[in-house]
Structures are given as structure tokens and as C-alpha cells.
Amino acid sequence: MQRYYFDHNATTPAAPEIVEAMLPCFGEAYGNASSIHAFGQEAKRLLEQARRQVAELLGCRPPEVAFTSGGTEANNLAILGAVRSSERPRRHVITTTIEHPCVLDACRQLEREGVEVTYVGVGPDGVVSPDDIGRALRAETVLVTVMHANNEVGVVQPIGEIAALARAAGAAMHSDGVQAAGKIPVDAPELGVDLYGMSAHKIYGPKGAGALYVRPGVRIAALQFGGHQERDRRPGTENVAGAVGLGAAAALARRSLEAEGRRLAGLRDRLERGLLDRLEHAGVNGRGAPRVPNTANLHFDFLEAEALVIALDLKGMAVSTGAACSSGSVEPSHVLSAMGLAADRARASLRFSLGRQNTAEQIDALLEAVEAAVERLRNLSPAAPARLAAR
């Protein structure tokens, strides 16, 4: 059976050229990048080359890039590090209700430490209003953290406007860029953010590698202790192979950003139009808002999306119900709930996230499979109208 992968927001396959770039790190370039002998200096050279590649993707300078173990650590380091380094007696943080768990859970940890957190809602399109962020700002606000692109619906937030408000109020601005970097143009200094996290395995690099952009002059307290690596931001022997993979992935994304973005947007639109033409009681979640080009999230009323995922997997089609970190949860998506979807509609929603290997032919095969699976599941659903079940 032919298998097609439409879950690139969960993870991507490592590109062959990225694997090739990493291979020397497991052989001749195995040194510790902190060592001063030739073996260490070759590892250091590769590490700094990767740092330059990541900086070019983010529009910043290499010293402003700190390597981490992934997007979760990058975002945790930014949020916890920025707030804990503040000397204000009262500290307040602003975030949104649709953030990734690595941001929401970091904020909940801060609440346990006595920090007050405001969770700002979004509109039906999934976009947070800068005006709502502005109204939430206080004299004691030390950090605003808003994701650049949502992992479930792909909606892009107005980060530049929000960052300007945060800076005017004297607060630091962090953005989770894991689903944006490498998919849409990112210039961190131009956006006005102070901290920006990204991950390698979302852009065809290895798992276990990520980076955090830190604007010059921004203080963050380290979360780990034991060395002076990464300019005291993230101690520990650097994962040179992972950093090299991230750098190569960043370079690949930068080279193909515009053309691949257009191609994926065309495939996404083909998928959405096809599904809406074929199926009643279906709709695009986040439609009309700015979105990253590869992501479509649709609801198919009168069925359970988990059952649809299984049915499509049996046909060789890999899709998801939302965040990979939350798979298996019986609760409806917190993102879709925050957008105002009723629980039954949120539970009837699927995410399709496209990537480099997807083609128009694969999209057409997916359309046939989804149509057949939805109609079969609706025939079994007591909630479906009789005229749908009879089709």
C-alpha cells in the first residue's frame, strides 16, 4: 500500500542533504567544540557555521543565536529566563489562549512561582487583537509571549504590532516561531521581538535541535548550570551534529522559502476547495486569516476526528487532529475551543499539514480517501442527518 504523509507540523522527514551535512560530526569531526586542540576547533568551526546559517534565516547576527535541544527548550528558556531575571517586585506576563503547551505550561509554572499571567483570547479566525494585548499591559508587565504561527490552524499573528506595544510599555517580547521559521519570511529584529524560538525537526532537520534568538541587551536567567557554553545562556557540551543539521535545514529553507511557499499554498488551496466541494457540513477553521502556506484545519460535522484519522491511516494517509503533543487527549483542542468552536465541532476537526514531498496527485488521492471515509463514518453516526447517512 502506498503511504502519503500529511502531518508535517508534527515533524518532517530529514532531508537527504541535511543528513549528509551531519555525517562528518559522527566521524572525523567528533571533537568537543569547547576544546582548544584541532579536533575541538573543527567542531567549533562547524558549530559557528551552523550559527551563521540560522542567523541568516532569522535576519539577525550569529552571536544573537543560542542553540538548544529544540523548540520547547528555546521557548522555556525565553519565558522562564526572561521573567526570572526581572528585578521587579511584582511581575506580570501576557500570553494567549491558543499557545503551544510548551508556552502555556511555562506560564503555569510562573504562576506557581507567584507571577500573575493574563491569557488573552482570540477571535473566531484565531487571530489575537493587538488592542486586547494593549489593554492587558500593566506597569508590572515584564513579558508578552505570543506565537508567530499556530501549530493547529496555521494562523499567523500580528507580531510586529504586538511587539511595538510591548516595547512601548517596557516589557520584553517573546514569540514561539517553531511553526513560522522556514515557512514564512522571518526577520526577528524587524519584527521587534526580543526572543524568538525555533526547531530543526519542523523544517527537515533532526529532532533534538533548536535555537533561540536573543536580542542584544536582553537578560535571561539560565535554566541549567554547569558551563559557559552559548554565552552562558545554555550550558553543556553542544550538540554539534544537531546544530549542523539545524543550520543546514535553515539554509535549505532560506533557499526555497518563496517558491516552496507558493507551491504549498497552491496544494493547500486545492485540498480545501476539493473537500468543501465534495462534502456538506464541512468548513475551514481559521479561514480568512493570514496563514502559513502548508496548513489546513477543517471540521467535518457529525463524526469523531479520531475515528477519521484511523480510517485514513488504514488507507495510507497520515493526518492528525491537532498538536502531536496532545494526541490521545479526550478533551477538544484548546485552540479550536478558544476560537469559539463548539466541543463537538472541535472534536470533528482534522489538521492537514503539507510538505516538500507532497504533490497534486497525492492531494487528489487524499481527497478521494477523505470523502469516502467521511461518508462511511457519517453513515455510522446517530448524530448525522438522515439525508447524509443515506448517501
Protein backbone atom coordinates (compact mmCIF):
# COMPACT_ATOMS: atom_id res chain seq x y z
CA MET A 1 0.00 0.00 0.00
CA GLN A 2 1.26 3.46 -0.92
CA ARG A 3 1.57 5.75 2.11
CA TYR A 4 1.34 9.54 1.98
CA TYR A 5 2.34 11.88 4.79
CA PHE A 6 0.27 15.00 5.57
CA ASP A 7 1.43 15.69 9.15
CA HIS A 8 4.45 17.95 8.66
CA ASN A 9 3.51 20.25 11.55
CA ALA A 10 4.12 17.30 13.88
CA THR A 11 7.51 16.54 12.35
CA THR A 12 9.21 16.39 8.97
CA PRO A 13 11.43 13.72 7.39
CA ALA A 14 15.09 14.69 7.50
CA ALA A 15 16.14 15.90 4.05
CA PRO A 16 18.99 13.86 2.47
CA GLU A 17 21.24 16.90 2.13
CA ILE A 18 20.79 17.65 5.83
CA VAL A 19 21.68 14.11 6.84
CA GLU A 20 24.76 14.37 4.61
CA ALA A 21 25.81 17.63 6.28
CA MET A 22 25.57 15.98 9.70
CA LEU A 23 27.54 12.82 8.89
CA PRO A 24 31.04 14.29 9.45
CA CYS A 25 30.05 15.09 13.05
CA PHE A 26 29.83 11.37 13.77
CA GLY A 27 33.22 10.59 12.21
CA GLU A 28 36.18 12.87 11.68
CA ALA A 29 34.63 15.97 13.30
CA TYR A 30 33.71 14.37 16.63
CA GLY A 31 35.57 16.81 18.90
CA ASN A 32 34.17 18.85 21.77
CA ALA A 33 33.58 22.37 20.50
CA SER A 34 34.97 23.76 23.77
CA SER A 35 38.34 22.02 23.34
CA ILE A 36 41.27 24.10 22.07
CA HIS A 37 43.04 21.36 20.08
CA ALA A 38 42.48 20.73 16.37
CA PHE A 39 39.66 18.23 16.89
CA GLY A 40 37.76 20.70 19.07
CA GLN A 41 38.40 23.61 16.74
CA GLU A 42 36.99 21.71 13.76
CA ALA A 43 33.83 21.02 15.77
CA LYS A 44 33.76 24.69 16.75
CA ARG A 45 34.06 25.72 13.09
CA LEU A 46 31.06 23.58 12.16
CA LEU A 47 29.08 24.91 15.12
CA GLU A 48 29.71 28.53 14.18
CA GLN A 49 28.93 27.86 10.53
CA ALA A 50 25.56 26.49 11.65
CA ARG A 51 25.03 29.55 13.84
CA ARG A 52 25.57 31.80 10.82
CA GLN A 53 23.07 29.80 8.78
CA VAL A 54 20.39 30.08 11.47
CA ALA A 55 21.11 33.80 11.84
CA GLU A 56 20.65 34.30 8.10
CA LEU A 57 17.23 32.63 8.25
CA LEU A 58 16.16 34.80 11.22
CA GLY A 59 17.68 38.02 9.89
CA CYS A 60 19.93 38.52 12.91
CA ARG A 61 23.63 38.33 13.80
CA PRO A 62 25.25 34.99 14.75
CA PRO A 63 26.05 35.98 18.36
CA GLU A 64 22.32 36.50 18.89
CA VAL A 65 21.60 32.78 18.27
CA ALA A 66 21.76 30.28 21.15
CA PHE A 67 21.46 26.58 20.34
CA THR A 68 19.03 24.49 22.40
CA SER A 69 17.65 20.95 22.41
CA GLY A 70 14.57 22.05 20.47
CA GLY A 71 11.66 24.47 20.34
CA THR A 72 10.33 23.53 23.77
CA GLU A 73 13.62 24.34 25.48
CA ALA A 74 14.03 27.52 23.43
CA ASN A 75 10.61 28.79 24.48
CA ASN A 76 11.03 27.68 28.10
CA LEU A 77 14.41 29.40 28.29
CA ALA A 78 12.93 32.58 26.84
CA ILE A 79 9.85 32.72 29.08
CA LEU A 80 11.23 31.45 32.38
CA GLY A 81 14.62 33.05 31.81
CA ALA A 82 13.24 36.50 30.98
CA VAL A 83 10.76 36.61 33.86
CA ARG A 84 13.10 35.17 36.49
CA SER A 85 15.80 37.68 35.55
CA SER A 86 13.46 40.61 36.21
CA GLU A 87 14.15 42.54 39.38
CA ARG A 88 10.63 43.97 39.66
CA PRO A 89 8.93 43.11 42.96
CA ARG A 90 5.68 42.34 41.13
CA ARG A 91 5.77 40.54 37.81
CA HIS A 92 3.06 40.08 35.22
CA VAL A 93 3.06 38.10 31.95
CA ILE A 94 0.68 38.26 28.99
CA THR A 95 0.08 35.35 26.64
CA THR A 96 -2.81 34.00 24.56
CA THR A 97 -5.23 31.12 24.95
CA ILE A 98 -4.01 29.35 21.78
CA GLU A 99 -0.32 28.93 22.60
CA HIS A 100 1.53 25.64 22.34
CA PRO A 101 1.70 23.65 25.61
CA CYS A 102 5.40 24.47 25.98
CA VAL A 103 4.39 28.12 26.40
CA LEU A 104 1.20 27.58 28.40
CA ASP A 105 2.87 25.15 30.80
CA ALA A 106 5.82 27.51 31.28
CA CYS A 107 3.33 30.25 32.17
CA ARG A 108 1.58 27.95 34.63
CA GLN A 109 4.92 27.27 36.27
CA LEU A 110 5.44 31.01 36.64
CA GLU A 111 2.02 31.26 38.28
CA ARG A 112 3.19 28.69 40.83
CA GLU A 113 6.13 30.99 41.48
CA GLY A 114 3.84 33.95 42.23
CA VAL A 115 3.81 35.58 38.80
CA GLU A 116 0.44 36.77 37.54
CA VAL A 117 -0.43 35.70 33.98
CA THR A 118 -3.14 37.13 31.72
CA TYR A 119 -4.42 34.81 28.99
CA VAL A 120 -5.80 36.91 26.14
CA GLY A 121 -8.43 35.36 23.89
CA VAL A 122 -8.61 35.30 20.11
CA GLY A 123 -11.32 35.97 17.57
CA PRO A 124 -13.23 33.32 15.59
CA ASP A 125 -10.49 33.44 12.97
CA GLY A 126 -7.82 32.59 15.54
CA VAL A 127 -6.16 36.00 15.48
CA VAL A 128 -5.38 37.87 18.69
CA SER A 129 -6.16 41.58 18.61
CA PRO A 130 -3.21 43.88 19.38
CA ASP A 131 -5.73 46.14 21.08
CA ASP A 132 -6.58 43.34 23.53
CA ILE A 133 -2.88 42.89 24.26
CA GLY A 134 -2.57 46.63 24.76
CA ARG A 135 -5.43 46.67 27.25
CA ALA A 136 -3.82 43.83 29.19
CA LEU A 137 -0.48 45.63 29.60
CA ARG A 138 0.36 46.94 33.07
CA ALA A 139 3.19 48.74 34.74
CA GLU A 140 4.39 45.42 36.18
CA THR A 141 4.22 43.50 32.87
CA VAL A 142 7.67 42.05 32.23
CA LEU A 143 6.93 39.77 29.26
CA VAL A 144 4.48 39.34 26.40
CA THR A 145 4.61 35.95 24.67
CA VAL A 146 2.56 35.34 21.52
CA MET A 147 3.21 32.60 18.97
CA HIS A 148 4.05 33.67 15.43
CA ALA A 149 2.08 30.90 13.67
CA ASN A 150 -0.32 28.46 15.29
CA ASN A 151 0.57 24.79 15.08
CA GLU A 152 -3.02 23.58 14.68
CA VAL A 153 -4.69 26.07 12.32
CA GLY A 154 -1.65 27.83 10.84
CA VAL A 155 -2.93 31.33 11.63
CA VAL A 156 -0.20 33.99 11.66
CA GLN A 157 -0.38 36.57 14.43
CA PRO A 158 0.39 40.32 14.08
CA ILE A 159 3.65 40.01 15.97
CA GLY A 160 5.12 43.31 14.78
CA GLU A 161 2.19 45.34 16.15
CA ILE A 162 2.18 43.43 19.43
CA ALA A 163 5.95 43.77 19.85
CA ALA A 164 5.71 47.54 19.37
CA LEU A 165 3.10 47.75 22.13
CA ALA A 166 5.21 45.61 24.45
CA ARG A 167 8.33 47.67 23.86
CA ALA A 168 6.46 50.93 24.46
CA ALA A 169 5.27 49.53 27.79
CA GLY A 170 8.77 48.42 28.79
CA ALA A 171 8.01 44.70 28.52
CA ALA A 172 10.07 42.08 26.72
CA MET A 173 8.50 40.37 23.71
CA HIS A 174 8.86 36.65 23.01
CA SER A 175 7.40 34.72 20.09
CA ASP A 176 7.24 30.97 19.57
CA GLY A 177 8.38 30.75 15.94
CA VAL A 178 8.51 26.96 15.68
CA GLN A 179 5.75 26.80 13.03
CA ALA A 180 6.76 30.01 11.26
CA ALA A 181 10.54 29.97 10.80
CA GLY A 182 11.33 28.33 7.48
CA LYS A 183 7.74 28.61 6.24
CA ILE A 184 7.28 32.38 6.02
CA PRO A 185 9.86 35.18 5.94
CA VAL A 186 11.16 35.98 9.43
CA ASP A 187 13.32 38.96 10.33
CA ALA A 188 13.46 38.88 14.11
CA PRO A 189 14.98 42.36 14.62
CA GLU A 190 12.50 43.89 12.16
CA LEU A 191 9.58 42.16 13.89
CA GLY A 192 10.71 43.86 17.09
CA VAL A 193 10.84 40.70 19.17
CA ASP A 194 13.38 40.28 21.96
CA LEU A 195 13.25 36.47 21.97
CA TYR A 196 12.27 34.04 19.21
CA GLY A 197 12.33 30.23 19.37
CA MET A 198 12.60 27.71 16.53
CA SER A 199 13.08 23.99 15.98
CA ALA A 200 15.02 21.88 13.47
CA HIS A 201 12.67 18.94 13.02
CA LYS A 202 9.84 21.13 11.73
CA ILE A 203 11.97 22.14 8.72
CA TYR A 204 13.51 18.80 7.65
CA GLY A 205 16.29 18.80 10.24
CA PRO A 206 16.96 16.47 13.17
CA LYS A 207 14.91 16.12 16.32
CA GLY A 208 16.61 17.38 19.48
CA ALA A 209 17.95 20.62 17.99
CA GLY A 210 16.59 24.14 18.18
CA ALA A 211 17.63 27.74 18.63
CA LEU A 212 16.66 30.89 20.48
CA TYR A 213 17.21 34.37 19.11
CA VAL A 214 18.14 36.78 21.90
CA ARG A 215 18.20 40.50 21.11
CA PRO A 216 21.35 42.25 22.37
CA GLY A 217 20.88 43.63 25.86
CA VAL A 218 18.05 41.25 26.79
CA ARG A 219 18.73 39.38 30.03
CA ILE A 220 17.62 35.80 30.53
CA ALA A 221 18.41 33.63 33.53
CA ALA A 222 19.86 30.23 32.66
CA LEU A 223 17.72 27.18 33.37
CA GLN A 224 20.70 24.82 33.57
CA PHE A 225 24.07 25.09 35.26
CA GLY A 226 27.47 23.58 34.60
CA GLY A 227 29.36 25.57 31.99
CA HIS A 228 29.69 28.77 29.97
CA GLN A 229 28.60 27.47 26.58
CA GLU A 230 26.27 29.51 24.38
CA ARG A 231 27.40 32.73 26.08
CA ASP A 232 26.18 31.47 29.46
CA ARG A 233 22.65 31.07 28.15
CA ARG A 234 22.63 27.29 27.80
CA PRO A 235 25.47 25.37 29.48
CA GLY A 236 26.53 21.88 28.47
CA THR A 237 28.55 20.35 25.67
CA GLU A 238 26.98 21.49 22.43
CA ASN A 239 25.15 19.02 20.22
CA VAL A 240 27.32 19.82 17.21
CA ALA A 241 25.63 17.31 14.92
CA GLY A 242 22.19 18.65 15.83
CA ALA A 243 23.29 22.25 15.37
CA VAL A 244 24.83 21.41 12.00
CA GLY A 245 21.55 19.76 10.98
CA LEU A 246 19.61 22.82 12.11
CA GLY A 247 21.97 25.09 10.20
CA ALA A 248 21.64 23.04 7.03
CA ALA A 249 17.86 22.99 7.45
CA ALA A 250 17.83 26.76 7.86
CA ALA A 251 19.92 27.19 4.72
CA LEU A 252 17.62 24.86 2.78
CA ALA A 253 14.53 26.72 3.98
CA ARG A 254 16.05 30.07 3.08
CA ARG A 255 16.88 28.95 -0.46
CA SER A 256 13.43 27.56 -1.17
CA LEU A 257 11.22 29.76 1.02
CA GLU A 258 9.42 31.78 -1.65
CA ALA A 259 8.97 29.08 -4.30
CA GLU A 260 8.06 26.32 -1.85
CA GLY A 261 5.65 28.63 -0.06
CA ARG A 262 3.80 29.32 -3.30
CA ARG A 263 3.72 25.62 -4.20
CA LEU A 264 2.40 24.53 -0.80
CA ALA A 265 -0.22 27.29 -0.73
CA GLY A 266 -1.48 26.04 -4.09
CA LEU A 267 -1.72 22.47 -2.79
CA ARG A 268 -3.43 23.61 0.40
CA ASP A 269 -6.00 25.59 -1.56
CA ARG A 270 -6.56 22.61 -3.89
CA LEU A 271 -7.21 20.44 -0.84
CA GLU A 272 -9.58 22.88 0.84
CA ARG A 273 -11.57 23.60 -2.32
CA GLY A 274 -11.83 19.91 -3.11
CA LEU A 275 -13.09 18.97 0.35
CA LEU A 276 -15.60 21.80 0.52
CA ASP A 277 -16.91 20.96 -2.97
CA ARG A 278 -17.29 17.26 -2.13
CA LEU A 279 -18.62 17.33 1.42
CA GLU A 280 -21.53 19.06 3.12
CA HIS A 281 -21.27 20.34 6.68
CA ALA A 282 -17.53 20.96 6.40
CA GLY A 283 -15.57 24.16 6.88
CA VAL A 284 -12.07 25.60 7.23
CA ASN A 285 -11.07 26.64 10.72
CA GLY A 286 -9.20 29.95 10.56
CA ARG A 287 -10.30 30.67 7.01
CA GLY A 288 -9.84 34.31 6.03
CA ALA A 289 -6.96 34.91 8.45
CA PRO A 290 -3.31 35.08 7.34
CA ARG A 291 -1.93 31.54 7.49
CA VAL A 292 1.30 29.71 6.84
CA PRO A 293 1.06 28.16 3.36
CA ASN A 294 1.18 24.49 4.34
CA THR A 295 -1.58 24.18 6.95
CA ALA A 296 -5.29 23.43 6.58
CA ASN A 297 -7.60 22.64 9.50
CA LEU A 298 -11.14 21.58 8.62
CA HIS A 299 -14.16 20.39 10.56
CA PHE A 300 -16.39 17.57 9.32
CA ASP A 301 -19.57 17.69 11.37
CA PHE A 302 -21.35 14.58 12.71
CA LEU A 303 -18.27 12.43 13.24
CA GLU A 304 -15.29 12.00 15.56
CA ALA A 305 -12.00 13.15 14.06
CA GLU A 306 -10.03 10.46 15.90
CA ALA A 307 -12.02 7.82 14.02
CA LEU A 308 -11.35 9.68 10.77
CA VAL A 309 -7.60 9.72 11.49
CA ILE A 310 -7.66 5.95 11.97
CA ALA A 311 -9.75 5.39 8.84
CA LEU A 312 -7.37 7.47 6.75
CA ASP A 313 -4.33 5.76 8.24
CA LEU A 314 -5.77 2.43 7.13
CA LYS A 315 -5.86 3.93 3.63
CA GLY A 316 -2.23 5.03 3.89
CA MET A 317 -2.93 8.71 4.64
CA ALA A 318 -1.23 10.25 7.69
CA VAL A 319 -3.11 13.25 9.12
CA SER A 320 -3.77 14.45 12.67
CA THR A 321 -6.36 16.01 14.93
CA GLY A 322 -4.01 18.78 16.04
CA ALA A 323 -0.91 19.11 18.17
CA ALA A 324 1.20 15.95 18.31
CA CYS A 325 1.95 16.73 21.97
CA SER A 326 -1.77 16.33 22.76
CA SER A 327 -2.60 13.23 20.73
CA GLY A 328 -4.75 10.81 22.67
CA SER A 329 -6.41 13.59 24.66
CA VAL A 330 -10.15 13.20 25.13
CA GLU A 331 -10.57 16.95 25.53
CA PRO A 332 -11.34 19.07 22.46
CA SER A 333 -8.49 21.18 21.11
CA HIS A 334 -7.85 24.19 23.34
CA VAL A 335 -7.04 26.18 20.20
CA LEU A 336 -10.33 25.44 18.46
CA SER A 337 -12.25 25.94 21.70
CA ALA A 338 -10.60 29.34 22.13
CA MET A 339 -11.72 30.22 18.60
CA GLY A 340 -15.31 29.57 19.68
CA LEU A 341 -15.93 26.16 18.13
CA ALA A 342 -18.42 24.00 20.00
CA ALA A 343 -16.93 20.90 21.57
CA ASP A 344 -18.49 18.53 19.04
CA ARG A 345 -17.19 20.55 16.10
CA ALA A 346 -13.74 20.85 17.65
CA ARG A 347 -13.69 17.06 18.06
CA ALA A 348 -14.68 16.73 14.40
CA SER A 349 -11.70 18.73 13.12
CA LEU A 350 -8.62 17.47 11.27
CA ARG A 351 -5.28 19.11 10.55
CA PHE A 352 -3.58 18.58 7.20
CA SER A 353 -0.02 19.94 7.12
CA LEU A 354 1.79 19.64 3.81
CA GLY A 355 5.47 19.36 2.97
CA ARG A 356 8.18 19.01 0.35
CA GLN A 357 7.28 15.54 -0.88
CA ASN A 358 3.54 16.18 -1.30
CA THR A 359 2.24 16.53 -4.86
CA ALA A 360 -1.01 17.39 -6.60
CA GLU A 361 -1.52 13.69 -7.26
CA GLN A 362 -1.22 12.95 -3.55
CA ILE A 363 -3.72 15.70 -2.75
CA ASP A 364 -6.19 14.17 -5.20
CA ALA A 365 -5.71 10.75 -3.61
CA LEU A 366 -6.28 12.33 -0.19
CA LEU A 367 -9.49 13.96 -1.43
CA GLU A 368 -10.87 10.61 -2.54
CA ALA A 369 -9.90 8.97 0.74
CA VAL A 370 -11.35 11.71 2.96
CA GLU A 371 -14.63 11.82 1.02
CA ALA A 372 -15.10 8.07 1.29
CA ALA A 373 -14.11 7.93 4.97
CA VAL A 374 -16.32 10.85 5.99
CA GLU A 375 -19.36 9.41 4.23
CA ARG A 376 -18.78 5.97 5.78
CA LEU A 377 -18.36 7.38 9.30
CA ARG A 378 -21.43 9.57 8.92
CA ASN A 379 -23.43 6.51 7.91
CA LEU A 380 -22.48 5.04 11.28
CA SER A 381 -23.17 8.22 13.25
CA PRO A 382 -26.52 8.58 15.01
CA ALA A 383 -25.94 12.35 15.06
CA ALA A 384 -25.81 12.69 11.26
CA PRO A 385 -28.98 13.86 9.46
CA ALA A 386 -30.82 11.07 7.66
CA ARG A 387 -30.19 12.54 4.22
CA LEU A 388 -26.40 12.48 4.85
CA ALA A 389 -26.46 8.94 6.21
CA ALA A 390 -28.44 7.80 3.17
CA ARG A 391 -25.84 8.98 0.63
